[in-house]
C-alpha atoms as a PDB file:
ATOM      1  CA  MET A   1      84.166  86.683 139.466  1.00  0.00           C
ATOM      2  CA  ARG A   2      83.781  85.852 135.786  1.00  0.00           C
ATOM      3  CA  LEU A   3      83.561  89.578 135.047  1.00  0.00           C
ATOM      4  CA  ILE A   4      86.843  90.628 136.634  1.00  0.00           C
ATOM      5  CA  PRO A   5      90.288  89.570 135.437  1.00  0.00           C
ATOM      6  CA  HIS A   6      91.089  86.106 136.735  1.00  0.00           C
ATOM      7  CA  TYR A   7      93.169  83.083 135.902  1.00  0.00           C
ATOM      8  CA  PRO A   8      91.260  81.081 133.230  1.00  0.00           C
ATOM      9  CA  ASN A   9      88.612  78.800 134.769  1.00  0.00           C
ATOM     10  CA  PHE A  10      89.503  79.857 138.337  1.00  0.00           C
ATOM     11  CA  THR A  11      85.959  80.910 139.221  1.00  0.00           C
ATOM     12  CA  PRO A  12      83.456  80.023 141.973  1.00  0.00           C
ATOM     13  CA  VAL A  13      80.627  78.818 139.715  1.00  0.00           C
ATOM     14  CA  ALA A  14      81.125  75.075 140.304  1.00  0.00           C
ATOM     15  CA  ALA A  15      81.540  75.628 144.044  1.00  0.00           C
ATOM     16  CA  ILE A  16      78.324  77.680 144.101  1.00  0.00           C
ATOM     17  CA  ALA A  17      76.557  74.851 142.255  1.00  0.00           C
ATOM     18  CA  LEU A  18      77.900  72.189 144.628  1.00  0.00           C
ATOM     19  CA  PHE A  19      77.182  74.246 147.739  1.00  0.00           C
ATOM     20  CA  GLY A  20      73.702  75.150 146.525  1.00  0.00           C
ATOM     21  CA  GLY A  21      72.870  71.528 145.820  1.00  0.00           C
ATOM     22  CA  ALA A  22      74.003  70.555 149.304  1.00  0.00           C
ATOM     23  CA  HIS A  23      72.484  73.425 151.294  1.00  0.00           C
ATOM     24  CA  ILE A  24      69.627  75.137 149.428  1.00  0.00           C
ATOM     25  CA  SER A  25      66.446  73.287 150.329  1.00  0.00           C
ATOM     26  CA  LYS A  26      64.435  74.603 147.371  1.00  0.00           C
ATOM     27  CA  ARG A  27      65.836  72.499 144.558  1.00  0.00           C
ATOM     28  CA  TRP A  28      64.782  74.943 141.809  1.00  0.00           C
ATOM     29  CA  LEU A  29      66.744  77.671 143.591  1.00  0.00           C
ATOM     30  CA  ALA A  30      69.807  75.435 143.913  1.00  0.00           C
ATOM     31  CA  PHE A  31      69.816  75.164 140.105  1.00  0.00           C
ATOM     32  CA  ALA A  32      68.791  78.759 139.458  1.00  0.00           C
ATOM     33  CA  VAL A  33      71.584  80.442 141.439  1.00  0.00           C
ATOM     34  CA  PRO A  34      74.626  79.115 139.513  1.00  0.00           C
ATOM     35  CA  LEU A  35      72.844  79.009 136.154  1.00  0.00           C
ATOM     36  CA  MET A  36      71.586  82.577 136.501  1.00  0.00           C
ATOM     37  CA  ALA A  37      75.085  83.691 137.553  1.00  0.00           C
ATOM     38  CA  LEU A  38      76.394  82.101 134.353  1.00  0.00           C
ATOM     39  CA  PHE A  39      73.641  83.607 132.226  1.00  0.00           C
ATOM     40  CA  ILE A  40      74.050  87.130 133.609  1.00  0.00           C
ATOM     41  CA  SER A  41      77.808  87.028 133.138  1.00  0.00           C
ATOM     42  CA  ASP A  42      77.342  85.568 129.633  1.00  0.00           C
ATOM     43  CA  LEU A  43      75.076  88.513 128.800  1.00  0.00           C
ATOM     44  CA  LEU A  44      78.042  90.768 129.517  1.00  0.00           C
ATOM     45  CA  LEU A  45      80.860  88.543 128.250  1.00  0.00           C
ATOM     46  CA  GLY A  46      79.061  87.317 125.150  1.00  0.00           C
ATOM     47  CA  PHE A  47      77.389  84.092 124.162  1.00  0.00           C
ATOM     48  CA  HIS A  48      79.252  81.226 122.514  1.00  0.00           C
ATOM     49  CA  GLY A  49      78.465  77.996 120.745  1.00  0.00           C
ATOM     50  CA  PHE A  50      79.328  75.768 123.690  1.00  0.00           C
ATOM     51  CA  MET A  51      77.008  77.267 126.283  1.00  0.00           C
ATOM     52  CA  VAL A  52      74.697  74.247 126.523  1.00  0.00           C
ATOM     53  CA  PRO A  53      77.428  71.799 127.591  1.00  0.00           C
ATOM     54  CA  VAL A  54      78.743  74.360 130.100  1.00  0.00           C
ATOM     55  CA  TYR A  55      75.290  74.867 131.643  1.00  0.00           C
ATOM     56  CA  VAL A  56      74.595  71.109 131.660  1.00  0.00           C
ATOM     57  CA  SER A  57      77.927  70.526 133.412  1.00  0.00           C
ATOM     58  CA  PHE A  58      77.096  72.965 136.175  1.00  0.00           C
ATOM     59  CA  ALA A  59      73.574  71.555 136.524  1.00  0.00           C
ATOM     60  CA  LEU A  60      75.149  68.132 137.065  1.00  0.00           C
ATOM     61  CA  VAL A  61      77.349  69.660 139.773  1.00  0.00           C
ATOM     62  CA  VAL A  62      74.164  70.832 141.519  1.00  0.00           C
ATOM     63  CA  VAL A  63      72.949  67.218 141.356  1.00  0.00           C
ATOM     64  CA  LEU A  64      76.242  66.120 142.941  1.00  0.00           C
ATOM     65  CA  GLY A  65      75.612  68.644 145.685  1.00  0.00           C
ATOM     66  CA  THR A  66      72.156  67.189 146.367  1.00  0.00           C
ATOM     67  CA  LEU A  67      73.877  63.852 146.991  1.00  0.00           C
ATOM     68  CA  LEU A  68      75.848  65.567 149.764  1.00  0.00           C
ATOM     69  CA  LYS A  69      72.725  66.612 151.706  1.00  0.00           C
ATOM     70  CA  ASP A  70      73.063  65.387 155.285  1.00  0.00           C
ATOM     71  CA  ARG A  71      76.514  63.996 154.402  1.00  0.00           C
ATOM     72  CA  VAL A  72      78.565  67.174 154.193  1.00  0.00           C
ATOM     73  CA  ARG A  73      81.952  66.011 155.407  1.00  0.00           C
ATOM     74  CA  PHE A  74      85.422  67.040 154.314  1.00  0.00           C
ATOM     75  CA  GLY A  75      86.081  63.870 152.316  1.00  0.00           C
ATOM     76  CA  ASN A  76      82.666  63.918 150.653  1.00  0.00           C
ATOM     77  CA  VAL A  77      82.990  67.567 149.660  1.00  0.00           C
ATOM     78  CA  LEU A  78      86.519  66.949 148.367  1.00  0.00           C
ATOM     79  CA  GLY A  79      85.363  63.960 146.300  1.00  0.00           C
ATOM     80  CA  ALA A  80      82.335  65.803 144.929  1.00  0.00           C
ATOM     81  CA  THR A  81      84.461  68.840 144.054  1.00  0.00           C
ATOM     82  CA  ILE A  82      86.960  66.711 142.115  1.00  0.00           C
ATOM     83  CA  THR A  83      84.128  64.787 140.441  1.00  0.00           C
ATOM     84  CA  GLY A  84      82.451  68.049 139.423  1.00  0.00           C
ATOM     85  CA  SER A  85      85.687  69.347 137.946  1.00  0.00           C
ATOM     86  CA  LEU A  86      86.140  66.129 135.991  1.00  0.00           C
ATOM     87  CA  LEU A  87      82.549  66.230 134.720  1.00  0.00           C
ATOM     88  CA  PHE A  88      82.994  69.797 133.502  1.00  0.00           C
ATOM     89  CA  PHE A  89      86.305  68.911 131.830  1.00  0.00           C
ATOM     90  CA  LEU A  90      84.989  65.780 130.114  1.00  0.00           C
ATOM     91  CA  ILE A  91      81.663  67.236 128.961  1.00  0.00           C
ATOM     92  CA  THR A  92      82.864  70.610 127.715  1.00  0.00           C
ATOM     93  CA  ASN A  93      85.945  69.317 125.936  1.00  0.00           C
ATOM     94  CA  PHE A  94      83.959  66.515 124.327  1.00  0.00           C
ATOM     95  CA  ALA A  95      81.616  69.222 123.035  1.00  0.00           C
ATOM     96  CA  VAL A  96      84.542  71.242 121.679  1.00  0.00           C
ATOM     97  CA  TRP A  97      85.845  68.155 119.896  1.00  0.00           C
ATOM     98  CA  ALA A  98      82.413  67.184 118.531  1.00  0.00           C
ATOM     99  CA  GLY A  99      81.251  70.650 117.565  1.00  0.00           C
ATOM    100  CA  SER A 100      84.222  72.476 116.157  1.00  0.00           C
ATOM    101  CA  PRO A 101      86.657  72.168 113.260  1.00  0.00           C
ATOM    102  CA  PHE A 102      89.670  72.420 115.611  1.00  0.00           C
ATOM    103  CA  TYR A 103      90.121  68.657 115.957  1.00  0.00           C
ATOM    104  CA  PRO A 104      89.705  65.707 113.594  1.00  0.00           C
ATOM    105  CA  GLN A 105      86.535  63.742 114.293  1.00  0.00           C
ATOM    106  CA  ASN A 106      88.271  60.577 115.427  1.00  0.00           C
ATOM    107  CA  PHE A 107      89.650  59.158 118.659  1.00  0.00           C
ATOM    108  CA  ALA A 108      93.017  60.879 118.156  1.00  0.00           C
ATOM    109  CA  GLY A 109      91.210  64.204 117.753  1.00  0.00           C
ATOM    110  CA  LEU A 110      89.251  63.599 120.947  1.00  0.00           C
ATOM    111  CA  LEU A 111      92.451  62.802 122.847  1.00  0.00           C
ATOM    112  CA  SER A 112      94.041  65.904 121.411  1.00  0.00           C
ATOM    113  CA  SER A 113      91.099  68.001 122.582  1.00  0.00           C
ATOM    114  CA  TYR A 114      91.442  66.654 126.117  1.00  0.00           C
ATOM    115  CA  THR A 115      95.226  67.025 126.074  1.00  0.00           C
ATOM    116  CA  MET A 116      95.070  70.659 124.964  1.00  0.00           C
ATOM    117  CA  ALA A 117      92.597  71.405 127.766  1.00  0.00           C
ATOM    118  CA  ILE A 118      94.723  70.019 130.619  1.00  0.00           C
ATOM    119  CA  PRO A 119      96.113  73.441 131.635  1.00  0.00           C
ATOM    120  CA  PHE A 120      92.555  74.742 131.936  1.00  0.00           C
ATOM    121  CA  PHE A 121      91.568  71.674 133.955  1.00  0.00           C
ATOM    122  CA  HIS A 122      94.363  72.369 136.391  1.00  0.00           C
ATOM    123  CA  ALA A 123      93.163  75.928 136.967  1.00  0.00           C
ATOM    124  CA  GLY A 124      89.506  74.889 137.129  1.00  0.00           C
ATOM    125  CA  LEU A 125      90.235  72.170 139.664  1.00  0.00           C
ATOM    126  CA  LEU A 126      92.254  74.544 141.833  1.00  0.00           C
ATOM    127  CA  GLY A 127      89.486  77.156 141.650  1.00  0.00           C
ATOM    128  CA  ASP A 128      86.813  74.583 142.458  1.00  0.00           C
ATOM    129  CA  LEU A 129      88.811  73.304 145.438  1.00  0.00           C
ATOM    130  CA  PHE A 130      89.544  76.816 146.687  1.00  0.00           C
ATOM    131  CA  TYR A 131      85.993  78.134 146.400  1.00  0.00           C
ATOM    132  CA  SER A 132      84.430  74.929 147.734  1.00  0.00           C
ATOM    133  CA  GLY A 133      86.699  75.311 150.746  1.00  0.00           C
ATOM    134  CA  VAL A 134      85.583  78.927 151.141  1.00  0.00           C
ATOM    135  CA  PHE A 135      81.852  78.165 150.817  1.00  0.00           C
ATOM    136  CA  PHE A 136      81.640  74.908 152.744  1.00  0.00           C
ATOM    137  CA  GLY A 137      84.290  75.894 155.291  1.00  0.00           C
ATOM    138  CA  GLY A 138      82.823  79.358 155.764  1.00  0.00           C
ATOM    139  CA  TYR A 139      79.331  77.944 156.221  1.00  0.00           C
ATOM    140  CA  TYR A 140      80.628  75.394 158.738  1.00  0.00           C
ATOM    141  CA  LEU A 141      82.300  78.144 160.769  1.00  0.00           C
ATOM    142  CA  LEU A 142      79.213  80.331 160.522  1.00  0.00           C
ATOM    143  CA  GLU A 143      77.011  77.454 161.727  1.00  0.00           C
ATOM    144  CA  LYS A 144      79.213  77.197 164.828  1.00  0.00           C
ATOM    145  CA  ARG A 145      78.542  80.863 165.624  1.00  0.00           C
ATOM    146  CA  VAL A 146      74.874  80.906 164.529  1.00  0.00           C
ATOM    147  CA  PRO A 147      73.341  77.494 165.416  1.00  0.00           C
ATOM    148  CA  ALA A 148      69.996  78.447 163.820  1.00  0.00           C
ATOM    149  CA  LEU A 149      71.634  78.028 160.395  1.00  0.00           C
ATOM    150  CA  SER A 150      71.818  74.271 160.965  1.00  0.00           C
ATOM    151  CA  ARG A 151      68.046  74.063 160.752  1.00  0.00           C
ATOM    152  CA  ILE A 152      67.772  75.745 157.332  1.00  0.00           C
END
């Protein structure tokens, strides 16, 4: 999805990370799937100076997903999705403030960095909610039709 035209930040990466953390039993694979998706798309889109905070943010979303194991419920998934979106927003925009000349290196500059990123947060949150609904909801419906999936 990162490789085709899309609304900025409206991608499934955070939802993949959250879903993987909650449902992939091999923890290394839960981390590898979203991070490799990012890396492969970055190979094609180009690397940038803020890749580490982006990757760390999505790794933390996988950790959030692991907290959902055996507690995958609508409210928990909703809360984890919103928390993941907030983590991504706070971490990546802090990194932009700290590592670029765009903003003064003071509290006002930090607030400005967060303020300028609000439109991207809105789109990211909507994308995270949409794709989390698709992945978790789709898996729930699939489990109803294929009970053997519940034992994975």
